[in-house]
Amino acid sequence: MDARIREYCVRLARSTRNGGREAVPALHRWVRYGASTRAALGLALSAQALALLRGRAYAIPEDVKEVAPAVLRHRLILSLEAQAEEVNVEGLVRELLMAVEVP
């Protein structure tokens, strides 16, 4: 996996955590606990598997974007406020993917 794609996976996971320098401010209100380092590994491995299934020996950013909802869905713990306002994780992941710069 290209180092830029690997770093993209790490930035996506870091951006879900409050207080980090790469945190996405729009998510702070809704996410109580963000994705861990294992989430970044899950993104990278899942993107590689998808690339392989599509006949490529390398992952591209679109692979990461495609697997992100499935990988991050259960790794983001929403705040009570988000649950009360019926905010869903899929919408937050879409917002995250728009906020984090693609390599």
C-alpha atoms as a PDB file:
ATOM      1  CA  MET A   1       0.000   0.000   0.000  1.00  0.00           C
ATOM      2  CA  ASP A   2       1.273   3.429  -0.914  1.00  0.00           C
ATOM      3  CA  ALA A   3       2.322   5.479   2.117  1.00  0.00           C
ATOM      4  CA  ARG A   4      -0.093   8.288   1.151  1.00  0.00           C
ATOM      5  CA  ILE A   5      -3.059   5.911   1.243  1.00  0.00           C
ATOM      6  CA  ARG A   6      -1.891   4.469   4.560  1.00  0.00           C
ATOM      7  CA  GLU A   7      -1.578   7.998   5.981  1.00  0.00           C
ATOM      8  CA  TYR A   8      -5.068   8.810   4.652  1.00  0.00           C
ATOM      9  CA  CYS A   9      -6.467   5.893   6.678  1.00  0.00           C
ATOM     10  CA  VAL A  10      -4.664   7.150   9.788  1.00  0.00           C
ATOM     11  CA  ARG A  11      -5.922  10.722   9.247  1.00  0.00           C
ATOM     12  CA  LEU A  12      -9.501   9.486   8.877  1.00  0.00           C
ATOM     13  CA  ALA A  13      -9.313   7.629  12.188  1.00  0.00           C
ATOM     14  CA  ARG A  14      -7.571  10.507  13.988  1.00  0.00           C
ATOM     15  CA  SER A  15     -10.088  13.004  12.671  1.00  0.00           C
ATOM     16  CA  THR A  16     -12.897  11.286  14.569  1.00  0.00           C
ATOM     17  CA  ARG A  17     -11.261  11.868  17.947  1.00  0.00           C
ATOM     18  CA  ASN A  18     -11.901  15.074  19.871  1.00  0.00           C
ATOM     19  CA  GLY A  19      -8.934  17.106  20.935  1.00  0.00           C
ATOM     20  CA  GLY A  20      -6.518  15.883  18.288  1.00  0.00           C
ATOM     21  CA  ARG A  21      -4.903  18.332  15.898  1.00  0.00           C
ATOM     22  CA  GLU A  22      -6.611  16.620  12.976  1.00  0.00           C
ATOM     23  CA  ALA A  23     -10.060  16.452  14.585  1.00  0.00           C
ATOM     24  CA  VAL A  24     -13.012  17.519  12.466  1.00  0.00           C
ATOM     25  CA  PRO A  25     -14.859  20.182  14.499  1.00  0.00           C
ATOM     26  CA  ALA A  26     -18.247  19.284  12.986  1.00  0.00           C
ATOM     27  CA  LEU A  27     -18.009  15.820  14.556  1.00  0.00           C
ATOM     28  CA  HIS A  28     -17.196  16.974  18.109  1.00  0.00           C
ATOM     29  CA  ARG A  29     -20.813  17.517  19.030  1.00  0.00           C
ATOM     30  CA  TRP A  30     -21.925  14.098  17.869  1.00  0.00           C
ATOM     31  CA  VAL A  31     -19.043  11.686  18.592  1.00  0.00           C
ATOM     32  CA  ARG A  32     -18.339  10.681  22.162  1.00  0.00           C
ATOM     33  CA  TYR A  33     -15.549   8.195  21.363  1.00  0.00           C
ATOM     34  CA  GLY A  34     -13.768   8.228  18.022  1.00  0.00           C
ATOM     35  CA  ALA A  35     -12.072   5.530  16.004  1.00  0.00           C
ATOM     36  CA  SER A  36      -8.934   3.877  17.347  1.00  0.00           C
ATOM     37  CA  THR A  37      -5.695   2.885  15.688  1.00  0.00           C
ATOM     38  CA  ARG A  38      -7.270  -0.476  14.890  1.00  0.00           C
ATOM     39  CA  ALA A  39      -9.870   1.363  12.831  1.00  0.00           C
ATOM     40  CA  ALA A  40      -7.066   2.774  10.672  1.00  0.00           C
ATOM     41  CA  LEU A  41      -5.734  -0.758  10.218  1.00  0.00           C
ATOM     42  CA  GLY A  42      -9.227  -1.966   9.357  1.00  0.00           C
ATOM     43  CA  LEU A  43      -9.588   0.767   6.733  1.00  0.00           C
ATOM     44  CA  ALA A  44      -6.243  -0.100   5.163  1.00  0.00           C
ATOM     45  CA  LEU A  45      -6.798  -3.855   5.102  1.00  0.00           C
ATOM     46  CA  SER A  46     -10.360  -3.553   3.838  1.00  0.00           C
ATOM     47  CA  ALA A  47      -9.291  -1.161   1.080  1.00  0.00           C
ATOM     48  CA  GLN A  48      -6.560  -3.600   0.030  1.00  0.00           C
ATOM     49  CA  ALA A  49      -9.057  -6.471  -0.039  1.00  0.00           C
ATOM     50  CA  LEU A  50     -11.488  -4.439  -2.142  1.00  0.00           C
ATOM     51  CA  ALA A  51      -8.707  -3.512  -4.567  1.00  0.00           C
ATOM     52  CA  LEU A  52      -7.775  -7.182  -4.890  1.00  0.00           C
ATOM     53  CA  LEU A  53     -11.399  -8.151  -5.549  1.00  0.00           C
ATOM     54  CA  ARG A  54     -11.461  -5.534  -8.294  1.00  0.00           C
ATOM     55  CA  GLY A  55      -8.330  -6.965  -9.911  1.00  0.00           C
ATOM     56  CA  ARG A  56      -5.822  -4.394  -8.710  1.00  0.00           C
ATOM     57  CA  ALA A  57      -2.647  -5.009  -6.746  1.00  0.00           C
ATOM     58  CA  TYR A  58      -2.898  -1.581  -5.086  1.00  0.00           C
ATOM     59  CA  ALA A  59      -5.519   0.394  -3.170  1.00  0.00           C
ATOM     60  CA  ILE A  60      -6.717   3.841  -4.198  1.00  0.00           C
ATOM     61  CA  PRO A  61      -8.497   6.527  -2.143  1.00  0.00           C
ATOM     62  CA  GLU A  62     -11.855   5.510  -3.600  1.00  0.00           C
ATOM     63  CA  ASP A  63     -11.376   2.035  -2.090  1.00  0.00           C
ATOM     64  CA  VAL A  64     -10.865   3.599   1.336  1.00  0.00           C
ATOM     65  CA  LYS A  65     -13.937   5.793   0.884  1.00  0.00           C
ATOM     66  CA  GLU A  66     -16.054   2.835  -0.145  1.00  0.00           C
ATOM     67  CA  VAL A  67     -15.149   0.675   2.851  1.00  0.00           C
ATOM     68  CA  ALA A  68     -15.156   3.518   5.401  1.00  0.00           C
ATOM     69  CA  PRO A  69     -18.865   3.330   6.344  1.00  0.00           C
ATOM     70  CA  ALA A  70     -18.686  -0.418   7.015  1.00  0.00           C
ATOM     71  CA  VAL A  71     -15.408  -0.186   8.941  1.00  0.00           C
ATOM     72  CA  LEU A  72     -16.248   2.902  11.000  1.00  0.00           C
ATOM     73  CA  ARG A  73     -19.944   2.187  11.642  1.00  0.00           C
ATOM     74  CA  HIS A  74     -19.358   0.271  14.855  1.00  0.00           C
ATOM     75  CA  ARG A  75     -16.197   2.104  15.898  1.00  0.00           C
ATOM     76  CA  LEU A  76     -17.768   5.519  16.461  1.00  0.00           C
ATOM     77  CA  ILE A  77     -19.673   5.881  19.714  1.00  0.00           C
ATOM     78  CA  LEU A  78     -22.198   8.655  19.414  1.00  0.00           C
ATOM     79  CA  SER A  79     -22.919  11.197  22.133  1.00  0.00           C
ATOM     80  CA  LEU A  80     -26.211  11.194  23.984  1.00  0.00           C
ATOM     81  CA  GLU A  81     -27.110  14.369  22.113  1.00  0.00           C
ATOM     82  CA  ALA A  82     -26.581  12.626  18.775  1.00  0.00           C
ATOM     83  CA  GLN A  83     -28.727   9.707  19.862  1.00  0.00           C
ATOM     84  CA  ALA A  84     -31.480  12.059  21.058  1.00  0.00           C
ATOM     85  CA  GLU A  85     -31.450  13.912  17.735  1.00  0.00           C
ATOM     86  CA  GLU A  86     -31.316  10.622  15.804  1.00  0.00           C
ATOM     87  CA  VAL A  87     -28.027  11.430  14.084  1.00  0.00           C
ATOM     88  CA  ASN A  88     -26.759   8.369  12.233  1.00  0.00           C
ATOM     89  CA  VAL A  89     -23.182   7.178  11.886  1.00  0.00           C
ATOM     90  CA  GLU A  90     -23.404   6.877   8.092  1.00  0.00           C
ATOM     91  CA  GLY A  91     -24.089  10.611   7.796  1.00  0.00           C
ATOM     92  CA  LEU A  92     -21.172  11.390  10.076  1.00  0.00           C
ATOM     93  CA  VAL A  93     -18.849   9.170   8.039  1.00  0.00           C
ATOM     94  CA  ARG A  94     -19.936  10.996   4.855  1.00  0.00           C
ATOM     95  CA  GLU A  95     -19.148  14.294   6.563  1.00  0.00           C
ATOM     96  CA  LEU A  96     -15.771  12.942   7.677  1.00  0.00           C
ATOM     97  CA  LEU A  97     -14.894  11.812   4.148  1.00  0.00           C
ATOM     98  CA  MET A  98     -15.702  15.280   2.814  1.00  0.00           C
ATOM     99  CA  ALA A  99     -13.634  16.997   5.511  1.00  0.00           C
ATOM    100  CA  VAL A 100     -10.418  14.970   5.304  1.00  0.00           C
ATOM    101  CA  GLU A 101      -8.173  15.788   2.354  1.00  0.00           C
ATOM    102  CA  VAL A 102      -7.718  12.966  -0.137  1.00  0.00           C
ATOM    103  CA  PRO A 103      -4.142  12.250  -1.224  1.00  0.00           C
END
